[in-house]
């Protein structure tokens, strides 16, 4: 591992720990030349996952893009960043565990909506308005009626 301070290629591992999400190993290293310490992360390499859009276009899965979409829906709402990160991680794990290399954008959108429904009602409504491409107020009201009916059934 190349030292970020002196570019020496020789270092020794001082400490290794599993990261908080359990998906990588955090290693604390010390350069044998300048004695400077630095941290590296090791993670398992997995094959890329491609998202198949409604138009048929394939695009490599991008966790940051998913998180940004959820952040937009949660803007100015009392939703914590750890809650958003947790939702993103759950979706990413589900995609990796599916063993499919191509996944429809609809499948991901449904997972986001399901997660947001449990986190914040307004964020759910915002995301659904964009995701389902509401063209008029009637369609939006129909979706809200279904949403409210589902909440009543779950609370009873």
Protein backbone atom coordinates (compact mmCIF):
# COMPACT_ATOMS: atom_id res chain seq x y z
CA UNK A 1 0.00 0.00 0.00
CA UNK A 2 1.44 3.35 -1.05
CA UNK A 3 2.04 5.86 1.75
CA UNK A 4 0.09 9.08 1.10
CA UNK A 5 2.90 11.09 2.72
CA UNK A 6 6.12 9.80 1.11
CA UNK A 7 4.81 7.39 -1.57
CA UNK A 8 6.78 4.48 -0.10
CA UNK A 9 5.27 1.15 -1.15
CA UNK A 10 6.11 -0.63 2.10
CA UNK A 11 3.87 -0.40 5.18
CA UNK A 12 2.87 -2.60 8.07
CA UNK A 13 -0.62 -3.24 9.40
CA UNK A 14 -1.05 -2.06 12.99
CA UNK A 15 -4.77 -2.76 13.48
CA UNK A 16 -7.59 -4.41 11.51
CA UNK A 17 -11.28 -4.04 12.26
CA UNK A 18 -14.56 -4.80 10.57
CA UNK A 19 -16.27 -1.59 9.47
CA UNK A 20 -19.57 -0.54 11.04
CA UNK A 21 -21.63 -1.78 8.10
CA UNK A 22 -19.75 -5.09 8.08
CA UNK A 23 -19.00 -4.81 4.38
CA UNK A 24 -15.33 -3.83 4.55
CA UNK A 25 -12.23 -4.13 6.70
CA UNK A 26 -10.61 -1.02 8.11
CA UNK A 27 -6.83 -1.30 8.40
CA UNK A 28 -4.59 1.10 10.27
CA UNK A 29 -1.16 1.11 8.64
CA UNK A 30 2.26 2.60 9.38
CA UNK A 31 4.79 3.52 6.71
CA UNK A 32 8.11 1.74 7.25
CA UNK A 33 10.01 4.72 5.83
CA UNK A 34 8.47 7.87 7.36
CA UNK A 35 6.52 6.20 10.23
CA UNK A 36 3.37 8.14 9.26
CA UNK A 37 0.09 6.32 9.96
CA UNK A 38 -2.84 6.08 7.57
CA UNK A 39 -6.07 4.15 7.16
CA UNK A 40 -7.12 1.90 4.30
CA UNK A 41 -10.33 0.03 3.62
CA UNK A 42 -10.65 -3.36 1.94
CA UNK A 43 -13.92 -4.51 0.46
CA UNK A 44 -14.99 -7.47 -1.58
CA UNK A 45 -15.27 -6.74 -5.25
CA UNK A 46 -18.57 -7.74 -6.76
CA UNK A 47 -19.72 -7.71 -10.36
CA UNK A 48 -21.42 -4.48 -11.42
CA UNK A 49 -25.20 -4.25 -11.24
CA UNK A 50 -26.98 -2.61 -14.14
CA UNK A 51 -30.27 -0.76 -13.86
CA UNK A 52 -32.67 -1.15 -16.75
CA UNK A 53 -34.61 2.11 -17.14
CA UNK A 54 -38.17 2.40 -18.44
CA UNK A 55 -36.76 3.41 -21.82
CA UNK A 56 -34.68 0.21 -21.96
CA UNK A 57 -31.39 2.03 -21.41
CA UNK A 58 -28.94 0.22 -19.11
CA UNK A 59 -26.94 2.17 -16.58
CA UNK A 60 -24.54 0.98 -13.89
CA UNK A 61 -26.02 1.15 -10.38
CA UNK A 62 -24.88 4.25 -8.55
CA UNK A 63 -25.38 4.37 -4.78
CA UNK A 64 -24.79 8.12 -4.70
CA UNK A 65 -27.53 8.72 -7.26
CA UNK A 66 -29.95 6.62 -5.19
CA UNK A 67 -29.03 8.51 -2.02
CA UNK A 68 -29.42 11.90 -3.74
CA UNK A 69 -32.94 10.96 -4.89
CA UNK A 70 -33.92 9.98 -1.37
CA UNK A 71 -32.30 13.13 0.05
CA UNK A 72 -34.39 15.26 -2.36
CA UNK A 73 -37.57 13.59 -1.14
CA UNK A 74 -36.54 14.13 2.50
CA UNK A 75 -35.47 17.76 2.02
CA UNK A 76 -36.61 20.02 4.89
CA UNK A 77 -38.09 17.02 6.71
CA UNK A 78 -37.07 15.68 10.13
CA UNK A 79 -35.36 12.63 8.63
CA UNK A 80 -31.88 11.86 9.90
CA UNK A 81 -28.97 11.12 7.60
CA UNK A 82 -28.38 7.78 9.39
CA UNK A 83 -31.98 6.78 8.55
CA UNK A 84 -31.39 7.65 4.90
CA UNK A 85 -28.04 5.81 4.88
CA UNK A 86 -29.73 2.79 6.44
CA UNK A 87 -32.38 2.75 3.70
CA UNK A 88 -29.74 3.11 0.97
CA UNK A 89 -27.68 0.28 2.51
CA UNK A 90 -30.74 -2.00 2.76
CA UNK A 91 -31.57 -1.40 -0.89
CA UNK A 92 -27.96 -1.92 -1.98
CA UNK A 93 -27.72 -5.16 0.02
CA UNK A 94 -30.99 -6.40 -1.49
CA UNK A 95 -29.67 -5.69 -4.99
CA UNK A 96 -26.36 -7.46 -4.30
CA UNK A 97 -28.14 -10.42 -2.71
CA UNK A 98 -30.51 -10.80 -5.65
CA UNK A 99 -27.65 -12.23 -7.76
CA UNK A 100 -29.17 -10.54 -10.82
CA UNK A 101 -26.84 -8.32 -12.81
CA UNK A 102 -29.72 -6.43 -14.40
CA UNK A 103 -32.49 -4.97 -12.25
CA UNK A 104 -35.39 -2.81 -13.36
CA UNK A 105 -35.57 0.76 -12.14
CA UNK A 106 -39.17 0.02 -11.15
CA UNK A 107 -37.98 -2.62 -8.66
CA UNK A 108 -35.63 -0.09 -7.04
CA UNK A 109 -38.31 2.63 -7.04
CA UNK A 110 -40.72 0.28 -5.28
CA UNK A 111 -38.10 -0.50 -2.63
CA UNK A 112 -37.45 3.22 -2.06
CA UNK A 113 -41.18 3.92 -1.75
CA UNK A 114 -41.61 1.05 0.68
CA UNK A 115 -38.74 2.34 2.81
CA UNK A 116 -39.88 5.97 2.74
CA UNK A 117 -43.39 4.93 3.72
CA UNK A 118 -41.91 3.71 7.03
CA UNK A 119 -39.68 6.76 7.51
CA UNK A 120 -41.69 9.86 6.60
CA UNK A 121 -45.11 10.32 4.98
CA UNK A 122 -44.25 13.59 3.23
CA UNK A 123 -41.01 12.17 1.81
CA UNK A 124 -43.01 9.19 0.54
CA UNK A 125 -45.52 11.50 -1.18
CA UNK A 126 -42.76 13.61 -2.73
CA UNK A 127 -40.90 10.59 -4.06
CA UNK A 128 -44.07 8.94 -5.37
CA UNK A 129 -45.06 12.12 -7.25
CA UNK A 130 -41.80 12.02 -9.21
CA UNK A 131 -41.45 8.25 -9.44
CA UNK A 132 -45.00 7.62 -10.65
CA UNK A 133 -44.92 10.68 -12.90
CA UNK A 134 -48.26 12.11 -11.84
CA UNK A 135 -49.67 14.08 -14.73
CA UNK A 136 -52.66 15.59 -12.95
CA UNK A 137 -54.12 16.26 -9.52
CA UNK A 138 -56.69 13.44 -9.79
CA UNK A 139 -53.96 10.83 -10.15
CA UNK A 140 -52.16 12.30 -7.17
CA UNK A 141 -55.32 12.27 -5.04
CA UNK A 142 -56.02 8.65 -5.99
CA UNK A 143 -52.51 7.71 -4.83
CA UNK A 144 -53.02 9.62 -1.56
CA UNK A 145 -56.34 7.83 -0.95
CA UNK A 146 -54.60 4.46 -1.43
CA UNK A 147 -51.80 5.55 0.89
CA UNK A 148 -54.18 6.75 3.62
CA UNK A 149 -56.30 3.60 3.30
CA UNK A 150 -53.18 1.48 3.77
CA UNK A 151 -52.21 3.46 6.86
CA UNK A 152 -55.70 2.99 8.36
CA UNK A 153 -55.58 -0.76 7.70
CA UNK A 154 -52.14 -1.05 9.32
CA UNK A 155 -53.21 0.92 12.41
CA UNK A 156 -56.40 -1.09 13.00
